[in-house]
Amino acid sequence: MRLRGLTGCAVAGLVAVGIAGCGSDSSGAGAGETPGVPTVKSERDLPELPLEHYEFSDRDNERHTEAQARLTQQCMRDLGFDDFPLYPEEPSGRQSVTLTAVAVTSYPYGPLDLDAARRWGYGYDPKKSGAADGRTKGRAMTDKEYEALYGLRRKPSGSGGCAGAGGERLMAGVPDEARMWTYTSERSRRLDKVVAKDERVRDALGAWSRCMADKGVKRYKTPGDAFGDKAWGRKGRSDGNTTRTRRELATAVADVECKREQNTAGVWWVVREEKQSADVAGHKDAYEAVRADQQRVRANVRRILGEK
């Protein structure tokens, strides 16, 4: 599952889109002792899943963003905004149209980085917040530029202003945009519900939960429950970060340690891989149609970026 930067479609036509118990309990296999189960101690240890072949990669999304920015800038310059920046800031007082987020957890496994858990708990380093691609922003747009960019008054081509026109160029030749953007993610969500009911995952989560209690923190049912605990103080904060109390940090550290000790993410990954492989085999035509549309977009991006 590609979470890095929470990829997908942005708004307004912008194309971004172990099983044993803890301690001495030996009721099951320890980390890495089950044949065919990868030992997962960090996100880097997670092998690629079948559905990732039918998703845009992080690199794809970076290239989409660059291609969209170039098209938008040229469109704006054609309208007379000669110094329109490649990556502008929103006008003062306006809410950003492009939604960005900071990836702080690897769905559905929860955080896997022990150093980050010790420092940031279930939150994130605020110095790394902002645009996911890390590009330096230009000056803020004027109100007139903003209106032209999003077609609030002028529509240079089609609808949606220069942003919409650029999006149409990127999607040229794609017969079903909705399918391309949503089919794989929707199938993934359905499959994850099936995975969550699998006995192997239920056993692994039970062992993780007992381990959490053994370490003296709250006994949650799943890593998602631990990550989303309201006690971490996200509510009411504009940046969505946590308050990093002692309890939060202790819980996050225990969370990661237990997943390492029990190889929870490794077991979980195996079941996800199994279910996804079967789903791809059973819906091959639909998945291949998604891949074909993605290849059309990649070809459009190459042309826009001046590549062969």
Protein backbone atom coordinates (compact mmCIF):
# COMPACT_ATOMS: atom_id res chain seq x y z
CA MET A 1 0.00 0.00 0.00
CA ARG A 2 1.52 3.30 -1.05
CA LEU A 3 1.01 5.77 1.72
CA ARG A 4 4.08 7.88 1.30
CA GLY A 5 2.50 11.31 0.68
CA LEU A 6 -1.05 9.90 0.58
CA THR A 7 -1.20 9.74 -3.18
CA GLY A 8 -4.20 10.16 -5.41
CA CYS A 9 -6.22 12.82 -7.15
CA ALA A 10 -5.96 16.32 -5.77
CA VAL A 11 -8.81 18.80 -5.93
CA ALA A 12 -9.84 21.11 -8.82
CA GLY A 13 -8.47 18.97 -11.62
CA LEU A 14 -4.94 18.84 -10.24
CA VAL A 15 -3.39 15.45 -10.75
CA ALA A 16 -1.32 14.82 -7.92
CA VAL A 17 -4.09 11.24 -7.16
CA GLY A 18 4.77 -12.82 14.59
CA ILE A 19 2.28 -14.72 16.32
CA ALA A 20 3.82 -15.54 19.69
CA GLY A 21 3.05 -13.64 22.85
CA CYS A 22 5.58 -11.26 24.41
CA GLY A 23 8.41 -12.18 26.72
CA SER A 24 8.88 -15.88 27.29
CA ASP A 25 5.47 -16.88 25.92
CA SER A 26 6.10 -19.41 23.14
CA SER A 27 2.57 -20.02 22.02
CA GLY A 28 3.54 -19.40 18.38
CA ALA A 29 6.40 -18.69 16.01
CA GLY A 30 8.60 -15.70 16.69
CA ALA A 31 9.62 -13.02 14.22
CA GLY A 32 10.95 -14.48 11.00
CA GLU A 33 10.50 -18.11 12.12
CA THR A 34 7.47 -18.87 9.97
CA PRO A 35 8.41 -20.03 6.46
CA GLY A 36 7.21 -17.62 3.79
CA VAL A 37 6.57 -14.80 6.24
CA PRO A 38 8.88 -11.79 5.80
CA THR A 39 10.49 -10.38 8.91
CA VAL A 40 9.23 -6.79 9.07
CA LYS A 41 10.99 -4.34 11.36
CA SER A 42 10.52 -1.24 9.20
CA GLU A 43 8.50 -0.14 6.19
CA ARG A 44 11.51 -0.97 4.01
CA ASP A 45 11.08 -4.64 4.91
CA LEU A 46 7.57 -4.80 3.42
CA PRO A 47 7.67 -6.48 -0.01
CA GLU A 48 5.54 -5.05 -2.79
CA LEU A 49 1.92 -6.15 -2.79
CA PRO A 50 0.10 -7.27 -5.97
CA LEU A 51 -2.24 -4.26 -6.08
CA GLU A 52 0.70 -1.87 -6.09
CA HIS A 53 1.22 -2.84 -9.74
CA TYR A 54 -2.11 -1.13 -10.44
CA GLU A 55 -1.42 2.09 -8.54
CA PHE A 56 0.59 5.16 -9.44
CA SER A 57 3.92 5.16 -7.65
CA ASP A 58 5.30 8.02 -5.61
CA ARG A 59 7.57 8.83 -8.54
CA ASP A 60 4.57 8.86 -10.88
CA ASN A 61 2.83 11.35 -8.63
CA GLU A 62 5.87 13.59 -8.50
CA ARG A 63 6.03 13.61 -12.29
CA HIS A 64 2.28 14.29 -12.56
CA THR A 65 2.72 17.28 -10.28
CA GLU A 66 5.58 18.62 -12.36
CA ALA A 67 3.71 18.13 -15.64
CA GLN A 68 0.58 19.77 -14.24
CA ALA A 69 2.64 22.71 -12.98
CA ARG A 70 4.26 23.25 -16.37
CA LEU A 71 0.93 23.13 -18.21
CA THR A 72 -0.65 25.47 -15.70
CA GLN A 73 2.19 27.97 -15.86
CA GLN A 74 2.11 28.09 -19.67
CA CYS A 75 -1.68 28.50 -19.68
CA MET A 76 -1.46 31.35 -17.18
CA ARG A 77 1.26 33.05 -19.20
CA ASP A 78 -0.90 32.74 -22.32
CA LEU A 79 -3.55 34.68 -20.40
CA GLY A 80 -1.08 37.48 -19.72
CA PHE A 81 0.22 36.45 -16.30
CA ASP A 82 3.82 36.49 -17.49
CA ASP A 83 5.53 35.96 -14.15
CA PHE A 84 3.20 33.27 -12.81
CA PRO A 85 5.37 30.94 -10.67
CA LEU A 86 5.67 27.22 -11.31
CA TYR A 87 4.55 26.32 -7.77
CA PRO A 88 2.65 29.31 -6.37
CA GLU A 89 1.35 29.83 -2.88
CA GLU A 90 -2.35 30.44 -2.35
CA PRO A 91 -3.43 34.08 -2.05
CA SER A 92 -3.45 35.50 1.44
CA GLY A 93 -6.67 34.61 3.22
CA ARG A 94 -7.65 31.84 0.79
CA GLN A 95 -7.86 28.20 1.75
CA SER A 96 -5.55 25.97 -0.22
CA VAL A 97 -7.29 24.02 -2.96
CA THR A 98 -4.66 21.31 -3.16
CA LEU A 99 -4.87 18.93 -0.26
CA THR A 100 -1.57 17.74 1.17
CA ALA A 101 -0.80 15.51 4.11
CA VAL A 102 2.12 14.11 6.00
CA ALA A 103 2.41 10.35 6.08
CA VAL A 104 2.98 9.32 9.67
CA THR A 105 1.91 5.71 9.55
CA SER A 106 2.03 2.77 7.16
CA TYR A 107 -1.57 1.62 6.65
CA PRO A 108 -2.81 -0.74 7.94
CA TYR A 109 0.15 -1.81 10.05
CA GLY A 110 0.56 1.46 11.96
CA PRO A 111 3.95 3.04 12.68
CA LEU A 112 7.00 0.83 12.15
CA ASP A 113 9.82 3.31 12.81
CA LEU A 114 11.06 2.93 16.38
CA ASP A 115 13.21 6.07 16.37
CA ALA A 116 10.28 8.15 15.12
CA ALA A 117 8.01 6.61 17.75
CA ARG A 118 10.46 7.58 20.48
CA ARG A 119 10.67 11.17 19.25
CA TRP A 120 7.27 11.91 17.75
CA GLY A 121 4.89 9.28 19.14
CA TYR A 122 1.92 9.05 16.80
CA GLY A 123 2.62 12.49 15.37
CA TYR A 124 5.21 13.82 12.98
CA ASP A 125 8.14 16.19 12.73
CA PRO A 126 6.56 19.60 12.01
CA LYS A 127 9.68 20.62 10.08
CA LYS A 128 8.74 18.01 7.49
CA SER A 129 5.15 19.17 7.10
CA GLY A 130 3.84 21.02 4.06
CA ALA A 131 3.95 20.05 0.41
CA ALA A 132 4.55 16.35 0.06
CA ASP A 133 6.96 16.78 -2.85
CA GLY A 134 9.17 19.22 -0.95
CA ARG A 135 9.32 21.71 -3.82
CA THR A 136 10.05 25.32 -2.99
CA LYS A 137 6.94 27.42 -3.40
CA GLY A 138 6.94 30.63 -5.38
CA ARG A 139 5.22 33.85 -4.46
CA ALA A 140 1.57 33.98 -3.48
CA MET A 141 -0.96 34.29 -6.29
CA THR A 142 -2.95 37.45 -6.72
CA ASP A 143 -6.72 37.17 -6.55
CA LYS A 144 -6.96 37.61 -10.33
CA GLU A 145 -4.47 34.81 -10.90
CA TYR A 146 -6.35 32.57 -8.49
CA GLU A 147 -9.61 33.18 -10.34
CA ALA A 148 -8.02 32.42 -13.71
CA LEU A 149 -6.24 29.36 -12.38
CA TYR A 150 -9.42 27.72 -11.14
CA GLY A 151 -11.85 29.15 -13.70
CA LEU A 152 -13.84 31.23 -11.26
CA ARG A 153 -14.31 33.90 -13.93
CA ARG A 154 -12.33 32.98 -17.03
CA LYS A 155 -12.25 29.59 -18.68
CA PRO A 156 -9.40 29.35 -21.17
CA SER A 157 -10.22 25.80 -22.24
CA GLY A 158 -13.02 23.47 -21.26
CA SER A 159 -13.82 24.07 -17.60
CA GLY A 160 -11.92 24.57 -14.39
CA GLY A 161 -9.58 27.30 -15.57
CA CYS A 162 -5.92 26.64 -16.28
CA ALA A 163 -5.82 23.92 -13.64
CA GLY A 164 -8.70 22.11 -15.30
CA ALA A 165 -7.24 22.55 -18.76
CA GLY A 166 -3.96 21.05 -17.60
CA GLY A 167 -5.77 18.14 -16.03
CA GLU A 168 -7.55 17.42 -19.30
CA ARG A 169 -4.22 17.28 -21.11
CA LEU A 170 -2.84 14.84 -18.59
CA MET A 171 -5.93 12.62 -18.89
CA ALA A 172 -6.08 12.66 -22.70
CA GLY A 173 -7.02 9.25 -24.07
CA VAL A 174 -8.20 7.85 -20.73
CA PRO A 175 -11.73 6.47 -21.25
CA ASP A 176 -12.64 6.03 -17.59
CA GLU A 177 -10.84 8.36 -15.17
CA ALA A 178 -12.96 7.35 -12.19
CA ARG A 179 -12.07 3.69 -12.69
CA MET A 180 -8.38 4.49 -13.06
CA TRP A 181 -8.27 6.51 -9.85
CA THR A 182 -10.60 4.47 -7.64
CA TYR A 183 -10.88 0.85 -8.76
CA THR A 184 -7.71 -0.44 -7.11
CA SER A 185 -8.18 1.52 -3.89
CA GLU A 186 -11.78 0.36 -3.57
CA ARG A 187 -10.79 -3.26 -4.13
CA SER A 188 -8.00 -2.85 -1.58
CA ARG A 189 -10.40 -1.53 1.06
CA ARG A 190 -12.79 -4.44 0.48
CA LEU A 191 -9.99 -6.97 0.65
CA ASP A 192 -8.58 -5.47 3.84
CA LYS A 193 -11.94 -6.11 5.52
CA VAL A 194 -11.63 -9.75 4.51
CA VAL A 195 -8.02 -9.83 5.69
CA ALA A 196 -9.00 -8.43 9.08
CA LYS A 197 -11.33 -11.42 9.61
CA ASP A 198 -8.68 -13.99 8.69
CA GLU A 199 -7.75 -16.21 11.64
CA ARG A 200 -4.02 -15.66 11.10
CA VAL A 201 -4.40 -11.89 11.33
CA ARG A 202 -6.75 -12.12 14.29
CA ASP A 203 -4.22 -14.31 16.12
CA ALA A 204 -1.37 -11.95 15.25
CA LEU A 205 -3.31 -8.92 16.46
CA GLY A 206 -4.26 -10.76 19.63
CA ALA A 207 -0.60 -11.44 20.37
CA TRP A 208 0.29 -7.82 19.63
CA SER A 209 -2.49 -6.63 21.94
CA ARG A 210 -1.33 -8.87 24.79
CA CYS A 211 2.21 -7.65 24.26
CA MET A 212 1.04 -4.05 24.60
CA ALA A 213 -0.58 -4.87 27.93
CA ASP A 214 2.54 -6.72 29.09
CA LYS A 215 4.54 -3.55 28.43
CA GLY A 216 2.26 -1.59 30.73
CA VAL A 217 0.29 0.44 28.20
CA LYS A 218 -3.34 0.35 27.17
CA ARG A 219 -4.46 -2.86 25.47
CA TYR A 220 -5.80 -1.87 22.07
CA LYS A 221 -7.43 -4.27 19.62
CA THR A 222 -5.51 -3.04 16.56
CA PRO A 223 -2.63 -0.68 15.73
CA GLY A 224 -5.20 1.56 14.07
CA ASP A 225 -7.01 1.96 17.38
CA ALA A 226 -3.74 2.91 19.07
CA PHE A 227 -2.83 5.39 16.36
CA GLY A 228 -6.26 7.04 16.41
CA ASP A 229 -6.68 7.35 20.19
CA LYS A 230 -8.28 10.74 20.90
CA ALA A 231 -6.01 11.08 23.92
CA TRP A 232 -3.17 12.10 21.60
CA GLY A 233 -4.77 15.51 21.20
CA ARG A 234 -5.15 15.89 17.43
CA LYS A 235 -8.64 17.34 17.74
CA GLY A 236 -8.63 21.11 17.61
CA ARG A 237 -5.13 21.36 16.19
CA SER A 238 -4.93 22.91 12.74
CA ASP A 239 -1.91 20.80 11.77
CA GLY A 240 -3.36 17.47 12.88
CA ASN A 241 -0.26 16.72 14.93
CA THR A 242 -0.24 15.15 18.38
CA THR A 243 0.79 16.59 21.74
CA ARG A 244 3.45 13.93 22.41
CA THR A 245 2.68 13.30 26.06
CA ARG A 246 4.71 10.73 27.99
CA ARG A 247 1.83 8.31 27.68
CA GLU A 248 1.65 8.78 23.92
CA LEU A 249 5.38 8.26 23.44
CA ALA A 250 5.39 5.18 25.68
CA THR A 251 2.43 3.72 23.80
CA ALA A 252 3.94 4.37 20.37
CA VAL A 253 7.25 2.79 21.39
CA ALA A 254 5.51 -0.27 22.83
CA ASP A 255 3.41 -0.49 19.66
CA VAL A 256 6.45 -0.69 17.38
CA GLU A 257 8.40 -2.97 19.74
CA CYS A 258 5.52 -5.42 19.93
CA LYS A 259 5.10 -5.48 16.17
CA ARG A 260 8.80 -6.26 15.86
CA GLU A 261 8.76 -8.93 18.54
CA GLN A 262 5.69 -10.65 17.11
CA ASN A 263 6.35 -9.86 13.43
CA THR A 264 2.77 -8.62 13.29
CA ALA A 265 3.21 -6.72 10.05
CA GLY A 266 4.90 -9.72 8.42
CA VAL A 267 1.95 -12.00 9.14
CA TRP A 268 -0.49 -9.30 8.09
CA TRP A 269 1.41 -8.75 4.83
CA VAL A 270 1.29 -12.45 3.93
CA VAL A 271 -2.50 -12.58 4.24
CA ARG A 272 -2.92 -9.35 2.27
CA GLU A 273 -0.66 -10.71 -0.48
CA GLU A 274 -2.68 -13.92 -0.65
CA LYS A 275 -6.05 -12.16 -0.90
CA GLN A 276 -4.81 -9.57 -3.39
CA SER A 277 -3.24 -12.17 -5.68
CA ALA A 278 -6.51 -14.09 -5.80
CA ASP A 279 -8.45 -10.90 -6.50
CA VAL A 280 -6.19 -9.90 -9.38
CA ALA A 281 -6.56 -13.38 -10.89
CA GLY A 282 -10.35 -13.19 -10.55
CA HIS A 283 -10.70 -9.66 -12.02
CA LYS A 284 -7.82 -9.63 -14.45
CA ASP A 285 -9.60 -7.68 -17.22
CA ALA A 286 -10.60 -4.85 -14.89
CA TYR A 287 -7.13 -4.55 -13.38
CA GLU A 288 -5.49 -4.60 -16.79
CA ALA A 289 -7.84 -1.85 -17.97
CA VAL A 290 -6.69 0.26 -15.04
CA ARG A 291 -3.06 -0.43 -15.89
CA ALA A 292 -3.65 0.51 -19.55
CA ASP A 293 -5.16 3.86 -18.51
CA GLN A 294 -2.23 4.51 -16.19
CA GLN A 295 0.14 3.84 -19.07
CA ARG A 296 -1.74 6.42 -21.17
CA VAL A 297 -1.25 8.99 -18.43
CA ARG A 298 2.44 8.13 -18.13
CA ALA A 299 2.81 8.62 -21.88
CA ASN A 300 1.07 12.01 -21.62
CA VAL A 301 3.41 13.02 -18.81
CA ARG A 302 6.46 12.04 -20.85
CA ARG A 303 5.26 14.18 -23.77
CA ILE A 304 4.55 17.15 -21.53
CA LEU A 305 7.98 16.87 -19.91
CA GLY A 306 9.61 16.68 -23.33
CA GLU A 307 10.76 13.09 -23.01
CA LYS A 308 10.70 10.45 -25.71
